[in-house]
Protein backbone atom coordinates (compact mmCIF):
# COMPACT_ATOMS: atom_id res chain seq x y z
CA MET A 1 97.06 -14.58 24.78
CA LEU A 2 100.37 -13.87 26.45
CA LYS A 3 102.60 -13.40 23.47
CA ASN A 4 105.75 -12.40 25.21
CA THR A 5 106.42 -12.91 28.86
CA LEU A 6 109.70 -11.44 30.01
CA VAL A 7 110.80 -12.37 33.49
CA THR A 8 113.77 -10.21 34.26
CA ALA A 9 116.42 -11.78 36.41
CA VAL A 10 116.05 -10.95 40.08
CA LEU A 11 119.43 -10.11 41.33
CA PHE A 12 120.48 -9.77 44.91
CA LEU A 13 123.90 -9.62 46.33
CA THR A 14 125.49 -12.19 48.55
CA VAL A 15 128.77 -12.37 46.75
CA SER A 16 132.31 -12.77 47.79
CA ILE A 17 133.51 -9.20 48.17
CA VAL A 18 137.11 -10.28 48.25
CA SER A 19 137.00 -11.60 44.68
CA ALA A 20 134.83 -8.81 43.28
CA GLN A 21 136.42 -6.58 40.65
CA LYS A 22 135.19 -3.00 40.63
CA ILE A 23 133.54 -1.86 37.40
CA ALA A 24 132.36 1.63 38.31
CA SER A 25 131.30 3.95 41.11
CA LEU A 26 127.82 5.47 40.89
CA THR A 27 127.36 8.72 42.84
CA VAL A 28 123.75 9.75 43.43
CA THR A 29 122.96 13.27 44.60
CA LEU A 30 119.83 13.57 46.74
CA THR A 31 118.02 16.84 47.24
CA ASN A 32 115.65 17.85 50.02
CA SER A 33 112.80 16.35 48.05
CA SER A 34 114.40 12.93 47.77
CA VAL A 35 115.23 12.00 51.36
CA SER A 36 111.84 11.20 52.89
CA SER A 37 110.92 8.11 50.87
CA SER A 38 112.49 5.49 48.65
CA VAL A 39 113.54 6.83 45.24
CA PRO A 40 113.88 4.81 42.03
CA ALA A 41 117.23 5.38 40.31
CA SER A 42 118.49 4.10 36.97
CA VAL A 43 121.48 4.11 34.64
CA SER A 44 122.19 2.83 31.17
CA LEU A 45 124.12 -0.34 31.95
CA ASP A 46 125.48 -0.77 28.43
CA LYS A 47 127.31 2.55 28.75
CA ILE A 48 129.15 1.14 31.77
CA THR A 49 129.79 -2.50 30.94
CA LEU A 50 128.87 -5.19 28.46
CA LEU A 51 129.24 -7.94 31.04
CA PRO A 52 126.22 -10.24 31.20
CA ASP A 53 123.62 -9.67 33.90
CA SER A 54 124.73 -12.82 35.65
CA MET A 55 128.15 -11.30 36.43
CA ILE A 56 127.16 -7.97 37.99
CA SER A 57 126.57 -6.97 41.60
CA LEU A 58 125.76 -3.65 43.27
CA PHE A 59 126.76 -2.34 46.72
CA GLU A 60 126.12 0.87 48.61
CA ILE A 61 129.26 2.25 50.26
CA THR A 62 128.66 4.06 53.56
CA ASP A 63 131.52 5.04 55.89
CA GLY A 64 133.59 2.19 54.53
CA ASP A 65 130.83 -0.39 54.93
CA ARG A 66 129.44 -2.23 51.92
CA ARG A 67 125.76 -3.12 51.79
CA PRO A 68 124.42 -5.28 48.96
CA VAL A 69 121.64 -3.63 46.97
CA ALA A 70 118.97 -5.36 44.93
CA TYR A 71 118.68 -4.28 41.33
CA GLN A 72 116.75 -5.17 38.21
CA ILE A 73 117.60 -4.85 34.53
CA ASP A 74 115.21 -3.75 31.82
CA ASN A 75 116.41 -5.42 28.63
CA GLY A 76 115.12 -2.93 26.10
CA GLN A 77 117.02 -1.55 23.12
CA GLU A 78 119.75 -0.96 25.66
CA ARG A 79 120.02 -2.43 29.15
CA THR A 80 118.86 -0.12 31.94
CA MET A 81 119.61 -0.97 35.55
CA TYR A 82 117.10 0.08 38.23
CA TRP A 83 117.46 0.10 41.99
CA LEU A 84 115.77 1.78 44.93
CA ILE A 85 117.57 4.33 47.09
CA SER A 86 116.36 4.05 50.66
CA PRO A 87 115.40 7.23 52.57
CA GLY A 88 118.37 9.04 54.08
CA LYS A 89 120.21 12.32 54.44
CA LYS A 90 120.43 14.99 51.80
CA GLY A 91 123.66 14.83 49.84
CA GLN A 92 125.58 12.20 47.96
CA ARG A 93 125.14 8.43 48.15
CA VAL A 94 127.83 6.21 46.66
CA PHE A 95 127.24 2.83 45.03
CA GLU A 96 129.73 0.46 43.52
CA LEU A 97 129.17 -1.86 40.61
CA VAL A 98 131.42 -4.92 40.68
CA GLU A 99 132.04 -8.01 38.62
CA ALA A 100 130.71 -10.82 40.77
CA LYS A 101 128.08 -13.48 40.51
CA PRO A 102 124.85 -12.53 42.30
CA GLN A 103 122.22 -14.83 43.74
CA LEU A 104 118.47 -14.80 43.21
CA ALA A 105 116.39 -12.87 45.69
CA ASP A 106 113.42 -14.57 47.32
CA ASP A 107 111.24 -11.48 47.80
CA ALA A 108 110.42 -10.23 44.32
CA VAL A 109 107.44 -8.22 43.13
CA GLU A 110 105.26 -10.81 41.40
CA VAL A 111 102.97 -10.47 38.37
CA GLN A 112 100.49 -13.34 38.23
CA ASP A 113 98.04 -14.15 35.46
CA GLU A 114 94.82 -15.52 36.91
CA ASP A 115 91.12 -15.58 36.04
CA GLY A 116 91.27 -13.01 33.24
CA ALA A 117 93.43 -10.53 35.11
CA LEU A 118 97.00 -9.69 36.05
CA LEU A 119 97.69 -9.43 39.76
CA ILE A 120 100.73 -7.52 41.06
CA LYS A 121 101.79 -8.64 44.54
CA SER A 122 104.64 -7.93 46.92
CA ALA A 123 105.48 -9.97 50.01
CA GLY A 124 102.18 -11.80 49.58
CA ASN A 125 100.14 -8.57 49.56
CA ASN A 126 97.91 -7.64 46.65
CA LEU A 127 98.74 -4.22 45.21
CA LEU A 128 96.95 -3.98 41.83
CA ARG A 129 94.66 -6.01 39.59
CA TYR A 130 94.44 -5.30 35.85
CA VAL A 131 91.41 -6.86 34.15
CA TYR A 132 91.89 -7.94 30.52
CA LYS A 133 88.88 -10.25 30.29
CA THR A 134 85.64 -8.56 29.25
CA ARG A 135 83.51 -7.76 32.27
CA TYR A 136 79.77 -7.46 31.91
CA PRO A 137 77.61 -5.19 34.06
CA PRO A 138 75.30 -6.67 36.72
CA GLU A 139 72.37 -8.77 35.51
CA GLY A 140 69.55 -6.68 34.10
CA VAL A 141 71.83 -3.79 33.12
CA ASP A 142 72.40 -2.93 29.45
CA THR A 143 75.31 -5.03 28.17
CA ALA A 144 76.57 -1.97 26.27
CA PHE A 145 78.36 -1.22 29.54
CA LYS A 146 80.70 -4.20 29.15
CA ARG A 147 84.36 -3.32 29.17
CA SER A 148 87.90 -4.77 29.34
CA GLY A 149 91.33 -3.23 29.93
CA PHE A 150 90.99 -1.46 33.27
CA ILE A 151 92.47 -1.48 36.78
CA HIS A 152 90.31 -2.65 39.67
CA PRO A 153 91.17 -2.59 42.36
CA PHE A 154 94.42 -1.07 43.39
CA TRP A 155 94.92 -1.51 47.10
CA THR A 156 96.62 0.43 49.87
CA PRO A 157 99.68 -1.31 51.37
CA LYS A 158 97.37 -2.61 54.12
CA GLY A 159 94.94 -4.05 51.60
CA GLN A 160 92.02 -1.59 51.42
CA GLU A 161 90.46 -1.14 47.96
CA LEU A 162 90.71 2.36 46.48
CA THR A 163 88.62 1.91 43.32
CA ARG A 164 85.03 1.09 42.44
CA ILE A 165 83.25 -0.49 39.46
CA ASP A 166 79.58 -1.08 38.64
CA PRO A 167 78.31 2.01 40.49
CA PRO A 168 74.57 2.28 39.66
CA ASP A 169 74.98 5.99 38.95
CA HIS A 170 77.67 5.42 36.29
CA TYR A 171 77.97 1.84 35.07
CA HIS A 172 80.66 2.96 32.63
CA HIS A 173 83.01 3.84 35.48
CA TYR A 174 85.70 1.17 35.70
CA GLY A 175 88.04 1.78 38.62
CA LEU A 176 91.09 3.37 37.02
CA TRP A 177 90.66 3.57 33.25
CA ASN A 178 91.51 5.68 30.22
CA PRO A 179 88.86 6.52 27.59
CA TRP A 180 88.27 9.80 25.76
CA THR A 181 84.85 11.41 25.60
CA LYS A 182 84.45 13.67 22.57
CA VAL A 183 86.54 12.51 19.62
CA LEU A 184 86.35 13.58 16.00
CA PHE A 185 87.17 10.63 13.74
CA GLU A 186 86.44 10.39 10.02
CA GLY A 187 83.68 12.99 10.20
CA ASP A 188 81.88 11.49 13.20
CA VAL A 189 82.01 12.49 16.86
CA VAL A 190 82.77 9.32 18.81
CA ASP A 191 82.39 8.81 22.55
CA PHE A 192 84.64 6.10 24.02
CA TRP A 193 83.63 7.02 27.57
CA ASN A 194 79.83 6.90 27.78
CA LEU A 195 79.29 3.34 26.63
CA LYS A 196 75.51 3.39 26.66
CA ASP A 197 75.52 5.79 23.68
CA ARG A 198 76.99 2.98 21.55
CA LYS A 199 79.30 5.28 19.65
CA GLY A 200 82.53 3.61 20.73
CA THR A 201 84.41 1.64 23.36
CA VAL A 202 87.90 0.68 24.50
CA ARG A 203 88.97 -2.96 24.51
CA PHE A 204 91.95 -4.95 25.62
CA ALA A 205 93.71 -6.20 22.48
CA ASN A 206 96.96 -7.84 23.51
CA LEU A 207 99.33 -8.38 26.38
CA VAL A 208 102.82 -7.38 25.27
CA SER A 209 104.94 -8.30 28.27
CA THR A 210 105.22 -8.74 32.01
CA ASN A 211 108.26 -8.28 34.22
CA GLN A 212 108.80 -9.24 37.83
CA GLY A 213 111.84 -8.80 40.00
CA ALA A 214 113.50 -7.48 43.13
CA VAL A 215 112.85 -3.82 42.29
CA TYR A 216 109.57 -3.69 40.35
CA GLY A 217 106.80 -5.60 38.67
CA ASP A 218 105.13 -4.32 35.52
CA TYR A 219 103.03 -5.17 32.53
CA GLN A 220 102.56 -3.68 29.09
CA THR A 221 99.24 -4.00 27.30
CA VAL A 222 97.58 -2.78 24.09
CA HIS A 223 94.11 -1.21 24.12
CA GLU A 224 92.07 -0.45 21.02
CA HIS A 225 89.84 2.63 20.98
CA ILE A 226 87.08 1.44 18.66
CA ALA A 227 84.59 3.62 16.77
CA PHE A 228 81.13 2.18 16.07
CA LYS A 229 80.41 3.36 12.53
CA LYS A 230 76.94 4.33 11.32
CA ASP A 231 76.87 1.35 8.92
CA GLY A 232 77.21 -1.03 11.87
CA LYS A 233 80.89 -1.76 11.34
CA GLU A 234 83.70 -1.17 13.81
CA LYS A 235 86.99 0.61 13.15
CA VAL A 236 89.96 1.06 15.45
CA ALA A 237 90.70 4.77 15.69
CA LEU A 238 93.48 4.71 18.22
CA ASN A 239 95.97 2.18 19.54
CA GLU A 240 97.08 2.66 23.13
CA LEU A 241 100.15 1.03 24.66
CA GLN A 242 99.74 1.19 28.42
CA THR A 243 102.59 0.35 30.81
CA VAL A 244 101.96 -0.01 34.54
CA ARG A 245 104.88 -0.48 36.92
CA ILE A 246 104.91 -0.82 40.71
CA TYR A 247 108.16 -0.43 42.65
CA LYS A 248 108.68 -2.81 45.54
CA PRO A 249 107.74 -1.45 48.96
CA ASP A 250 109.84 -2.49 51.96
CA ALA A 251 108.12 -4.65 54.54
CA GLU A 252 107.76 -1.73 56.98
CA GLN A 253 106.82 0.77 54.29
CA ASP A 254 103.29 2.23 54.38
CA TYR A 255 103.38 3.42 50.77
CA TYR A 256 104.32 2.30 47.27
CA VAL A 257 104.92 3.97 43.91
CA MET A 258 102.98 3.13 40.75
CA ASP A 259 103.91 4.59 37.35
CA ILE A 260 101.49 4.61 34.42
CA THR A 261 102.69 5.43 30.91
CA ILE A 262 100.16 5.82 28.09
CA GLN A 263 101.38 5.90 24.48
CA MET A 264 98.84 6.61 21.74
CA ASN A 265 99.06 6.26 17.97
CA CYS A 266 96.50 6.68 15.22
CA ALA A 267 95.49 3.21 14.04
CA SER A 268 94.87 4.23 10.42
CA ALA A 269 95.67 7.04 7.98
CA SER A 270 92.90 9.09 9.60
CA PRO A 271 93.78 11.66 12.27
CA VAL A 272 92.04 11.55 15.65
CA ILE A 273 91.02 14.84 17.24
CA LEU A 274 90.46 14.66 20.99
CA GLN A 275 88.07 17.55 21.31
CA GLU A 276 87.65 19.84 24.27
CA TYR A 277 85.33 18.32 26.86
CA ARG A 278 84.92 18.62 30.60
CA TYR A 279 86.26 15.11 31.30
CA GLY A 280 88.27 12.41 29.54
CA GLY A 281 91.56 10.57 29.90
CA LEU A 282 92.83 8.78 33.00
CA GLY A 283 89.93 8.68 35.47
CA TRP A 284 89.71 7.29 38.99
CA ARG A 285 86.34 6.29 40.44
CA ALA A 286 87.25 6.03 44.08
CA THR A 287 86.11 3.54 46.68
CA GLU A 288 82.48 3.45 47.74
CA ALA A 289 83.68 3.92 51.32
CA TRP A 290 84.30 7.65 50.72
CA ASN A 291 81.79 10.49 50.85
CA ASP A 292 81.58 14.16 51.79
CA ASP A 293 82.01 13.42 55.48
CA ASN A 294 85.08 11.21 55.48
CA SER A 295 87.25 12.14 52.49
CA GLU A 296 89.20 15.09 51.18
CA ILE A 297 90.94 16.43 48.09
CA LEU A 298 93.84 18.86 47.92
CA THR A 299 95.70 19.98 44.80
CA SER A 300 99.19 21.40 44.29
CA GLU A 301 97.57 24.83 43.92
CA GLY A 302 95.75 24.58 47.24
CA LYS A 303 92.35 23.81 45.79
CA THR A 304 89.96 21.54 47.66
CA ARG A 305 86.87 19.69 46.61
CA LYS A 306 84.96 22.96 46.75
CA ASP A 307 86.98 24.60 43.97
CA ALA A 308 89.35 22.03 42.38
CA ASP A 309 87.16 21.18 39.36
CA GLY A 310 88.45 23.03 36.31
CA SER A 311 91.65 24.13 37.99
CA LYS A 312 95.10 23.01 36.85
CA ALA A 313 97.54 21.08 38.99
CA ARG A 314 100.80 19.13 39.15
CA TRP A 315 99.38 16.74 41.74
CA VAL A 316 96.22 16.02 43.66
CA ILE A 317 95.77 14.23 46.99
CA VAL A 318 92.69 11.99 47.17
CA GLN A 319 92.27 10.36 50.58
CA GLY A 320 89.80 9.38 53.27
CA GLU A 321 88.74 6.99 55.98
CA LEU A 322 89.03 3.28 55.28
CA GLY A 323 87.24 1.62 58.16
CA SER A 324 89.30 2.38 61.25
CA ASP A 325 92.25 3.34 59.03
CA TYR A 326 93.04 6.20 56.65
CA GLY A 327 94.67 6.16 53.23
CA GLY A 328 94.59 7.23 49.62
CA ALA A 329 96.87 8.23 46.76
CA VAL A 330 98.62 11.25 45.29
CA MET A 331 98.00 11.48 41.54
CA MET A 332 100.93 13.17 39.80
CA SER A 333 101.25 14.52 36.28
CA TYR A 334 104.60 14.56 34.47
CA PRO A 335 105.80 17.94 33.14
CA THR A 336 105.98 16.79 29.50
CA ASN A 337 102.29 15.82 29.42
CA TYR A 338 100.04 17.62 26.98
CA ASN A 339 98.51 20.82 28.37
CA TYR A 340 100.61 20.54 31.55
CA PRO A 341 99.85 21.52 34.28
CA GLU A 342 96.78 19.50 33.46
CA PRO A 343 93.18 20.53 34.08
CA LEU A 344 91.28 18.50 36.64
CA ARG A 345 87.82 17.02 36.67
CA ILE A 346 86.89 16.64 40.35
CA TRP A 347 83.38 15.81 41.42
CA PRO A 348 82.02 18.51 43.72
CA GLU A 349 80.60 17.86 47.15
CA GLY A 350 77.17 16.30 47.33
CA ILE A 351 77.43 14.32 44.09
CA ASN A 352 74.89 11.49 43.98
CA GLY A 353 73.44 12.82 47.22
CA ARG A 354 76.29 11.60 49.39
CA GLY A 355 79.48 12.98 47.92
CA ASP A 356 81.00 10.12 45.92
CA VAL A 357 84.61 10.71 44.93
CA TYR A 358 85.93 10.89 41.39
CA ALA A 359 89.20 12.45 40.11
CA ASN A 360 90.53 12.82 36.58
CA PHE A 361 93.52 14.52 34.94
CA SER A 362 91.80 15.76 31.80
CA PRO A 363 94.25 17.38 29.35
CA THR A 364 91.45 18.15 26.87
CA LYS A 365 89.21 19.89 29.37
CA ASP A 366 89.93 23.32 27.92
CA LYS A 367 91.49 22.66 24.49
CA ASP A 368 91.55 20.17 21.62
CA TRP A 369 94.38 17.69 21.18
CA PRO A 370 94.89 16.65 17.55
CA LEU A 371 96.64 13.31 17.01
CA TYR A 372 98.11 12.63 13.58
CA PRO A 373 99.20 9.37 11.93
CA GLY A 374 102.88 8.59 12.21
CA SER A 375 103.41 10.22 15.59
CA ASN A 376 103.59 8.86 19.12
CA TYR A 377 101.75 10.72 21.89
CA VAL A 378 102.70 10.02 25.51
CA LEU A 379 101.13 10.75 28.89
CA LYS A 380 102.91 9.84 32.13
CA TYR A 381 101.43 9.63 35.62
CA ARG A 382 102.66 8.51 39.02
CA PHE A 383 100.55 7.39 41.95
CA LEU A 384 101.93 7.41 45.49
CA VAL A 385 99.59 4.96 47.25
CA TYR A 386 99.65 4.95 51.03
CA ASN A 387 98.09 4.26 54.38
CA GLY A 388 97.91 7.19 56.77
CA LYS A 389 97.27 10.83 55.99
CA MET A 390 99.14 12.78 53.32
CA ASP A 391 100.00 16.48 53.58
CA LYS A 392 100.97 19.00 50.92
CA GLN A 393 104.68 19.01 51.86
CA HIS A 394 105.08 15.27 51.31
CA ALA A 395 102.95 15.37 48.16
CA GLU A 396 105.11 18.15 46.72
CA SER A 397 108.26 16.22 47.68
CA ALA A 398 106.93 13.12 45.91
CA TRP A 399 106.17 15.14 42.79
CA GLN A 400 109.66 16.68 42.82
CA GLN A 401 111.12 13.16 42.97
CA TYR A 402 108.99 12.21 39.98
CA ALA A 403 109.69 15.29 37.89
CA HIS A 404 113.36 15.52 38.85
CA PRO A 405 114.74 12.04 39.50
CA PRO A 406 118.13 11.74 41.19
CA LYS A 407 121.14 12.34 38.98
CA VAL A 408 123.64 9.51 38.80
CA THR A 409 127.29 10.34 38.08
CA ILE A 410 129.32 7.44 36.72
CA HIS A 411 133.04 6.99 37.43
CA LEU A 412 134.45 4.05 35.49
CA ALA A 413 137.13 2.02 37.24
CA ASN A 414 139.34 1.83 34.15
């Protein structure tokens, strides 16, 4: 099943500084929005050096002191180096890339394949579980509700679950998942969301890659959006390449960052029209622990659960009590997403008689989205997952970090 497992080298620095030859200085400018939490930074490594990964080390230079910094390389069409910038003062931070042999770190983000799922862990703590094996609904429930290719659960840093599956009110809700509801395909209206209608479904098709390392762990998977034709046959309407990456939280950190990238292509010569509907796309059925009395929602436009549904937003805070603790996540939408700022589907108070929580960035809530063969359509989201209570200032800061990542200025040594 796992066709291509890529384990990127985990590089950490305990090198001899004396013998290190400087390759380049990397100056990172931090704004007000990028000083309160760790920030992912990246550069194209091939534009700096063609030295192999095994001969490169990174340091942060502060008042003449040199601190080794963990980094990780994404070996795509070109090599991209990632590292995390720890919280600090506004202004410039200076890093130095040197030619020196690094050593392996012993505290990587891990991606484990077990029991039909991928488990992302850091420092022994579970952070996210992606289920690729088909899951059937509880005994006695229509098997049309079976589903694969979804996230359940993702946990807070302290280990509380933030998602729910198999809710009796909506058996087709699968934690954090990405189907479309009203889709015009080859003359038929297909519903990939409401499984009991037997018009369509979304299935895991293939695992493309996994990566684990000192900076992040991720996986890339293919989902097929399958139309059930009137003659009883199935046809794949849409291929979805979904990438999920979690950046490593420090041991004392009460939050972590998760990025989700969704790329969609028509699977045949037929276009796919995602028609206007009140929900569809990346949905989050939140933990059963939350209800009207112990949870809250706040959007970037100041909307709450009373008036957020149908509004547009850059981000939305979804949080509540978790036993004796508190926690949640900020869902963020990237500015290049279709119909940005995206419309929201937020369940109102009192839903199901108790106020269950559900949130969804739904780009087709107020307009169609036609997808044509030969083109690639991309949606990007970031989740800031945390323990504690989030406020609008920190949520806005996190979104600014996401939308406007730190600029890195490169000064080559030669």
